[in-house]
Amino acid sequence: MPRRRFRSIDDVRRYLASLINRLEDANDGQVDGQLAGRLGYLANLVLGAIKDSDIEARITALEERLKR
């Protein structure tokens, strides 16, 4: 499996969609259910971190504006 870099919510969305599609293809067998569950959980953690980072950046920008 290639390395993935999650830098945006859209990156995580595409990854989860790909994971679901591969899991749903029962004949393919690339990803088993346990692994998919773990990867989905981890992707959700990354998603939360991306959202938090985005909010932090927005708050910092607003604080800088208020200082001016």
PDB file of N, CA and C in Angstrom:
ATOM      1  N   MET A   1       0.849  -1.180   0.000  1.00  0.00           N
ATOM      2  CA  MET A   1       0.000   0.000   0.000  1.00  0.00           C
ATOM      3  C   MET A   1       0.895   1.244   0.000  1.00  0.00           C
ATOM      4  N   PRO A   2       0.616   2.198  -0.867  1.00  0.00           N
ATOM      5  CA  PRO A   2       1.463   3.401  -0.935  1.00  0.00           C
ATOM      6  C   PRO A   2       1.274   4.289   0.293  1.00  0.00           C
ATOM      7  N   ARG A   3       2.295   5.081   0.589  1.00  0.00           N
ATOM      8  CA  ARG A   3       2.180   6.047   1.690  1.00  0.00           C
ATOM      9  C   ARG A   3       1.180   7.121   1.321  1.00  0.00           C
ATOM     10  N   ARG A   4       0.447   7.556   2.311  1.00  0.00           N
ATOM     11  CA  ARG A   4      -0.536   8.616   2.092  1.00  0.00           C
ATOM     12  C   ARG A   4      -0.156   9.826   2.940  1.00  0.00           C
ATOM     13  N   ARG A   5      -0.428  10.984   2.401  1.00  0.00           N
ATOM     14  CA  ARG A   5      -0.225  12.230   3.154  1.00  0.00           C
ATOM     15  C   ARG A   5      -1.569  12.945   3.211  1.00  0.00           C
ATOM     16  N   PHE A   6      -2.022  13.170   4.419  1.00  0.00           N
ATOM     17  CA  PHE A   6      -3.294  13.848   4.618  1.00  0.00           C
ATOM     18  C   PHE A   6      -3.019  15.290   5.011  1.00  0.00           C
ATOM     19  N   ARG A   7      -3.330  16.197   4.112  1.00  0.00           N
ATOM     20  CA  ARG A   7      -3.104  17.617   4.381  1.00  0.00           C
ATOM     21  C   ARG A   7      -4.396  18.414   4.404  1.00  0.00           C
ATOM     22  N   SER A   8      -5.471  17.768   4.018  1.00  0.00           N
ATOM     23  CA  SER A   8      -6.748  18.478   3.980  1.00  0.00           C
ATOM     24  C   SER A   8      -7.881  17.501   4.266  1.00  0.00           C
ATOM     25  N   ILE A   9      -9.025  18.067   4.544  1.00  0.00           N
ATOM     26  CA  ILE A   9     -10.211  17.248   4.760  1.00  0.00           C
ATOM     27  C   ILE A   9     -10.525  16.452   3.501  1.00  0.00           C
ATOM     28  N   ASP A  10     -10.312  17.053   2.351  1.00  0.00           N
ATOM     29  CA  ASP A  10     -10.579  16.357   1.094  1.00  0.00           C
ATOM     30  C   ASP A  10      -9.653  15.153   0.909  1.00  0.00           C
ATOM     31  N   ASP A  11      -8.394  15.267   1.347  1.00  0.00           N
ATOM     32  CA  ASP A  11      -7.473  14.123   1.283  1.00  0.00           C
ATOM     33  C   ASP A  11      -8.025  12.951   2.088  1.00  0.00           C
ATOM     34  N   VAL A  12      -8.528  13.236   3.286  1.00  0.00           N
ATOM     35  CA  VAL A  12      -9.082  12.181   4.147  1.00  0.00           C
ATOM     36  C   VAL A  12     -10.355  11.620   3.525  1.00  0.00           C
ATOM     37  N   ARG A  13     -11.190  12.503   2.983  1.00  0.00           N
ATOM     38  CA  ARG A  13     -12.426  12.045   2.340  1.00  0.00           C
ATOM     39  C   ARG A  13     -12.137  11.081   1.196  1.00  0.00           C
ATOM     40  N   ARG A  14     -11.165  11.457   0.341  1.00  0.00           N
ATOM     41  CA  ARG A  14     -10.818  10.584  -0.782  1.00  0.00           C
ATOM     42  C   ARG A  14     -10.265   9.247  -0.303  1.00  0.00           C
ATOM     43  N   TYR A  15      -9.448   9.283   0.745  1.00  0.00           N
ATOM     44  CA  TYR A  15      -8.875   8.051   1.287  1.00  0.00           C
ATOM     45  C   TYR A  15      -9.972   7.136   1.822  1.00  0.00           C
ATOM     46  N   LEU A  16     -10.883   7.708   2.608  1.00  0.00           N
ATOM     47  CA  LEU A  16     -11.960   6.895   3.170  1.00  0.00           C
ATOM     48  C   LEU A  16     -12.855   6.320   2.072  1.00  0.00           C
ATOM     49  N   ALA A  17     -13.136   7.107   1.040  1.00  0.00           N
ATOM     50  CA  ALA A  17     -13.933   6.608  -0.077  1.00  0.00           C
ATOM     51  C   ALA A  17     -13.218   5.449  -0.767  1.00  0.00           C
ATOM     52  N   SER A  18     -11.919   5.588  -0.967  1.00  0.00           N
ATOM     53  CA  SER A  18     -11.137   4.523  -1.589  1.00  0.00           C
ATOM     54  C   SER A  18     -11.146   3.265  -0.713  1.00  0.00           C
ATOM     55  N   LEU A  19     -10.990   3.454   0.580  1.00  0.00           N
ATOM     56  CA  LEU A  19     -10.993   2.333   1.520  1.00  0.00           C
ATOM     57  C   LEU A  19     -12.330   1.602   1.487  1.00  0.00           C
ATOM     58  N   ILE A  20     -13.410   2.360   1.494  1.00  0.00           N
ATOM     59  CA  ILE A  20     -14.751   1.762   1.449  1.00  0.00           C
ATOM     60  C   ILE A  20     -14.951   1.015   0.140  1.00  0.00           C
ATOM     61  N   ASN A  21     -14.543   1.609  -0.979  1.00  0.00           N
ATOM     62  CA  ASN A  21     -14.708   0.947  -2.275  1.00  0.00           C
ATOM     63  C   ASN A  21     -13.936  -0.358  -2.338  1.00  0.00           C
ATOM     64  N   ARG A  22     -12.710  -0.365  -1.828  1.00  0.00           N
ATOM     65  CA  ARG A  22     -11.909  -1.594  -1.842  1.00  0.00           C
ATOM     66  C   ARG A  22     -12.490  -2.643  -0.910  1.00  0.00           C
ATOM     67  N   LEU A  23     -13.026  -2.212   0.215  1.00  0.00           N
ATOM     68  CA  LEU A  23     -13.616  -3.139   1.164  1.00  0.00           C
ATOM     69  C   LEU A  23     -14.884  -3.755   0.601  1.00  0.00           C
ATOM     70  N   GLU A  24     -15.671  -2.947  -0.100  1.00  0.00           N
ATOM     71  CA  GLU A  24     -16.927  -3.440  -0.654  1.00  0.00           C
ATOM     72  C   GLU A  24     -16.715  -4.454  -1.768  1.00  0.00           C
ATOM     73  N   ASP A  25     -15.576  -4.428  -2.409  1.00  0.00           N
ATOM     74  CA  ASP A  25     -15.292  -5.380  -3.476  1.00  0.00           C
ATOM     75  C   ASP A  25     -14.787  -6.672  -2.837  1.00  0.00           C
ATOM     76  N   ALA A  26     -15.715  -7.496  -2.399  1.00  0.00           N
ATOM     77  CA  ALA A  26     -15.382  -8.699  -1.628  1.00  0.00           C
ATOM     78  C   ALA A  26     -14.463  -9.652  -2.397  1.00  0.00           C
ATOM     79  N   ASN A  27     -14.542  -9.680  -3.716  1.00  0.00           N
ATOM     80  CA  ASN A  27     -13.710 -10.583  -4.507  1.00  0.00           C
ATOM     81  C   ASN A  27     -12.272 -10.094  -4.615  1.00  0.00           C
ATOM     82  N   ASP A  28     -12.072  -8.801  -4.433  1.00  0.00           N
ATOM     83  CA  ASP A  28     -10.744  -8.221  -4.576  1.00  0.00           C
ATOM     84  C   ASP A  28      -9.827  -8.649  -3.436  1.00  0.00           C
ATOM     85  N   GLY A  29     -10.309  -8.542  -2.215  1.00  0.00           N
ATOM     86  CA  GLY A  29      -9.553  -8.989  -1.057  1.00  0.00           C
ATOM     87  C   GLY A  29      -8.342  -8.141  -0.693  1.00  0.00           C
ATOM     88  N   GLN A  30      -8.249  -6.922  -1.183  1.00  0.00           N
ATOM     89  CA  GLN A  30      -7.096  -6.087  -0.882  1.00  0.00           C
ATOM     90  C   GLN A  30      -7.076  -5.630   0.575  1.00  0.00           C
ATOM     91  N   VAL A  31      -8.242  -5.353   1.138  1.00  0.00           N
ATOM     92  CA  VAL A  31      -8.328  -4.840   2.498  1.00  0.00           C
ATOM     93  C   VAL A  31      -9.336  -5.680   3.266  1.00  0.00           C
ATOM     94  N   ASP A  32      -8.926  -6.252   4.402  1.00  0.00           N
ATOM     95  CA  ASP A  32      -9.896  -7.012   5.191  1.00  0.00           C
ATOM     96  C   ASP A  32     -10.656  -6.072   6.121  1.00  0.00           C
ATOM     97  N   GLY A  33     -11.753  -6.545   6.651  1.00  0.00           N
ATOM     98  CA  GLY A  33     -12.634  -5.720   7.460  1.00  0.00           C
ATOM     99  C   GLY A  33     -11.970  -5.144   8.703  1.00  0.00           C
ATOM    100  N   GLN A  34     -11.175  -5.950   9.398  1.00  0.00           N
ATOM    101  CA  GLN A  34     -10.491  -5.468  10.607  1.00  0.00           C
ATOM    102  C   GLN A  34      -9.527  -4.338  10.283  1.00  0.00           C
ATOM    103  N   LEU A  35      -8.746  -4.538   9.239  1.00  0.00           N
ATOM    104  CA  LEU A  35      -7.793  -3.513   8.844  1.00  0.00           C
ATOM    105  C   LEU A  35      -8.512  -2.242   8.412  1.00  0.00           C
ATOM    106  N   ALA A  36      -9.596  -2.398   7.655  1.00  0.00           N
ATOM    107  CA  ALA A  36     -10.365  -1.235   7.203  1.00  0.00           C
ATOM    108  C   ALA A  36     -10.911  -0.454   8.397  1.00  0.00           C
ATOM    109  N   GLY A  37     -11.379  -1.156   9.411  1.00  0.00           N
ATOM    110  CA  GLY A  37     -11.885  -0.494  10.610  1.00  0.00           C
ATOM    111  C   GLY A  37     -10.801   0.295  11.314  1.00  0.00           C
ATOM    112  N   ARG A  38      -9.639  -0.298  11.430  1.00  0.00           N
ATOM    113  CA  ARG A  38      -8.516   0.396  12.074  1.00  0.00           C
ATOM    114  C   ARG A  38      -8.072   1.612  11.267  1.00  0.00           C
ATOM    115  N   LEU A  39      -7.970   1.428   9.954  1.00  0.00           N
ATOM    116  CA  LEU A  39      -7.551   2.544   9.099  1.00  0.00           C
ATOM    117  C   LEU A  39      -8.582   3.665   9.112  1.00  0.00           C
ATOM    118  N   GLY A  40      -9.862   3.293   9.112  1.00  0.00           N
ATOM    119  CA  GLY A  40     -10.915   4.301   9.184  1.00  0.00           C
ATOM    120  C   GLY A  40     -10.851   5.080  10.487  1.00  0.00           C
ATOM    121  N   TYR A  41     -10.615   4.383  11.581  1.00  0.00           N
ATOM    122  CA  TYR A  41     -10.488   5.042  12.885  1.00  0.00           C
ATOM    123  C   TYR A  41      -9.314   6.019  12.882  1.00  0.00           C
ATOM    124  N   LEU A  42      -8.172   5.571  12.380  1.00  0.00           N
ATOM    125  CA  LEU A  42      -6.991   6.435  12.325  1.00  0.00           C
ATOM    126  C   LEU A  42      -7.215   7.631  11.406  1.00  0.00           C
ATOM    127  N   ALA A  43      -7.884   7.397  10.275  1.00  0.00           N
ATOM    128  CA  ALA A  43      -8.181   8.494   9.357  1.00  0.00           C
ATOM    129  C   ALA A  43      -9.078   9.525  10.039  1.00  0.00           C
ATOM    130  N   ASN A  44     -10.004   9.057  10.877  1.00  0.00           N
ATOM    131  CA  ASN A  44     -10.870   9.976  11.606  1.00  0.00           C
ATOM    132  C   ASN A  44     -10.066  10.820  12.592  1.00  0.00           C
ATOM    133  N   LEU A  45      -9.055  10.230  13.221  1.00  0.00           N
ATOM    134  CA  LEU A  45      -8.187  10.993  14.109  1.00  0.00           C
ATOM    135  C   LEU A  45      -7.419  12.067  13.335  1.00  0.00           C
ATOM    136  N   VAL A  46      -6.921  11.692  12.162  1.00  0.00           N
ATOM    137  CA  VAL A  46      -6.204  12.656  11.324  1.00  0.00           C
ATOM    138  C   VAL A  46      -7.153  13.779  10.906  1.00  0.00           C
ATOM    139  N   LEU A  47      -8.376  13.426  10.553  1.00  0.00           N
ATOM    140  CA  LEU A  47      -9.372  14.416  10.161  1.00  0.00           C
ATOM    141  C   LEU A  47      -9.599  15.428  11.287  1.00  0.00           C
ATOM    142  N   GLY A  48      -9.718  14.944  12.506  1.00  0.00           N
ATOM    143  CA  GLY A  48      -9.888  15.845  13.640  1.00  0.00           C
ATOM    144  C   GLY A  48      -8.704  16.779  13.809  1.00  0.00           C
ATOM    145  N   ALA A  49      -7.504  16.254  13.632  1.00  0.00           N
ATOM    146  CA  ALA A  49      -6.300  17.086  13.749  1.00  0.00           C
ATOM    147  C   ALA A  49      -6.259  18.152  12.660  1.00  0.00           C
ATOM    148  N   ILE A  50      -6.663  17.804  11.447  1.00  0.00           N
ATOM    149  CA  ILE A  50      -6.689  18.770  10.348  1.00  0.00           C
ATOM    150  C   ILE A  50      -7.704  19.871  10.656  1.00  0.00           C
ATOM    151  N   LYS A  51      -8.877  19.485  11.135  1.00  0.00           N
ATOM    152  CA  LYS A  51      -9.899  20.478  11.476  1.00  0.00           C
ATOM    153  C   LYS A  51      -9.403  21.407  12.581  1.00  0.00           C
ATOM    154  N   ASP A  52      -8.803  20.827  13.615  1.00  0.00           N
ATOM    155  CA  ASP A  52      -8.280  21.640  14.714  1.00  0.00           C
ATOM    156  C   ASP A  52      -7.212  22.611  14.231  1.00  0.00           C
ATOM    157  N   SER A  53      -6.356  22.136  13.352  1.00  0.00           N
ATOM    158  CA  SER A  53      -5.300  22.981  12.817  1.00  0.00           C
ATOM    159  C   SER A  53      -5.880  24.133  12.009  1.00  0.00           C
ATOM    160  N   ASP A  54      -6.909  23.846  11.229  1.00  0.00           N
ATOM    161  CA  ASP A  54      -7.563  24.875  10.432  1.00  0.00           C
ATOM    162  C   ASP A  54      -8.205  25.926  11.331  1.00  0.00           C
ATOM    163  N   ILE A  55      -8.886  25.477  12.374  1.00  0.00           N
ATOM    164  CA  ILE A  55      -9.524  26.409  13.308  1.00  0.00           C
ATOM    165  C   ILE A  55      -8.472  27.258  14.007  1.00  0.00           C
ATOM    166  N   GLU A  56      -7.388  26.633  14.419  1.00  0.00           N
ATOM    167  CA  GLU A  56      -6.311  27.371  15.085  1.00  0.00           C
ATOM    168  C   GLU A  56      -5.753  28.467  14.168  1.00  0.00           C
ATOM    169  N   ALA A  57      -5.546  28.134  12.908  1.00  0.00           N
ATOM    170  CA  ALA A  57      -5.020  29.115  11.954  1.00  0.00           C
ATOM    171  C   ALA A  57      -6.000  30.271  11.777  1.00  0.00           C
ATOM    172  N   ARG A  58      -7.282  29.970  11.734  1.00  0.00           N
ATOM    173  CA  ARG A  58      -8.286  31.020  11.572  1.00  0.00           C
ATOM    174  C   ARG A  58      -8.338  31.930  12.800  1.00  0.00           C
ATOM    175  N   ILE A  59      -8.265  31.337  13.978  1.00  0.00           N
ATOM    176  CA  ILE A  59      -8.279  32.131  15.212  1.00  0.00           C
ATOM    177  C   ILE A  59      -7.047  33.036  15.271  1.00  0.00           C
ATOM    178  N   THR A  60      -5.893  32.481  14.921  1.00  0.00           N
ATOM    179  CA  THR A  60      -4.664  33.282  14.915  1.00  0.00           C
ATOM    180  C   THR A  60      -4.783  34.456  13.962  1.00  0.00           C
ATOM    181  N   ALA A  61      -5.343  34.229  12.785  1.00  0.00           N
ATOM    182  CA  ALA A  61      -5.522  35.310  11.806  1.00  0.00           C
ATOM    183  C   ALA A  61      -6.473  36.377  12.345  1.00  0.00           C
ATOM    184  N   LEU A  62      -7.558  35.949  12.995  1.00  0.00           N
ATOM    185  CA  LEU A  62      -8.503  36.911  13.576  1.00  0.00           C
ATOM    186  C   LEU A  62      -7.850  37.715  14.702  1.00  0.00           C
ATOM    187  N   GLU A  63      -7.063  37.057  15.522  1.00  0.00           N
ATOM    188  CA  GLU A  63      -6.374  37.753  16.614  1.00  0.00           C
ATOM    189  C   GLU A  63      -5.404  38.798  16.061  1.00  0.00           C
ATOM    190  N   GLU A  64      -4.714  38.448  15.006  1.00  0.00           N
ATOM    191  CA  GLU A  64      -3.791  39.399  14.373  1.00  0.00           C
ATOM    192  C   GLU A  64      -4.548  40.606  13.823  1.00  0.00           C
ATOM    193  N   ARG A  65      -5.719  40.367  13.231  1.00  0.00           N
ATOM    194  CA  ARG A  65      -6.528  41.469  12.712  1.00  0.00           C
ATOM    195  C   ARG A  65      -6.988  42.396  13.836  1.00  0.00           C
ATOM    196  N   LEU A  66      -7.372  41.796  14.955  1.00  0.00           N
ATOM    197  CA  LEU A  66      -7.858  42.591  16.081  1.00  0.00           C
ATOM    198  C   LEU A  66      -6.747  43.435  16.696  1.00  0.00           C
ATOM    199  N   LYS A  67      -5.538  42.967  16.632  1.00  0.00           N
ATOM    200  CA  LYS A  67      -4.400  43.712  17.174  1.00  0.00           C
ATOM    201  C   LYS A  67      -4.108  44.983  16.380  1.00  0.00           C
ATOM    202  N   ARG A  68      -4.450  44.970  15.090  1.00  0.00           N
ATOM    203  CA  ARG A  68      -4.172  46.113  14.213  1.00  0.00           C
ATOM    204  C   ARG A  68      -5.130  47.227  14.416  1.00  0.00           C
TER     205      ARG A  68
END
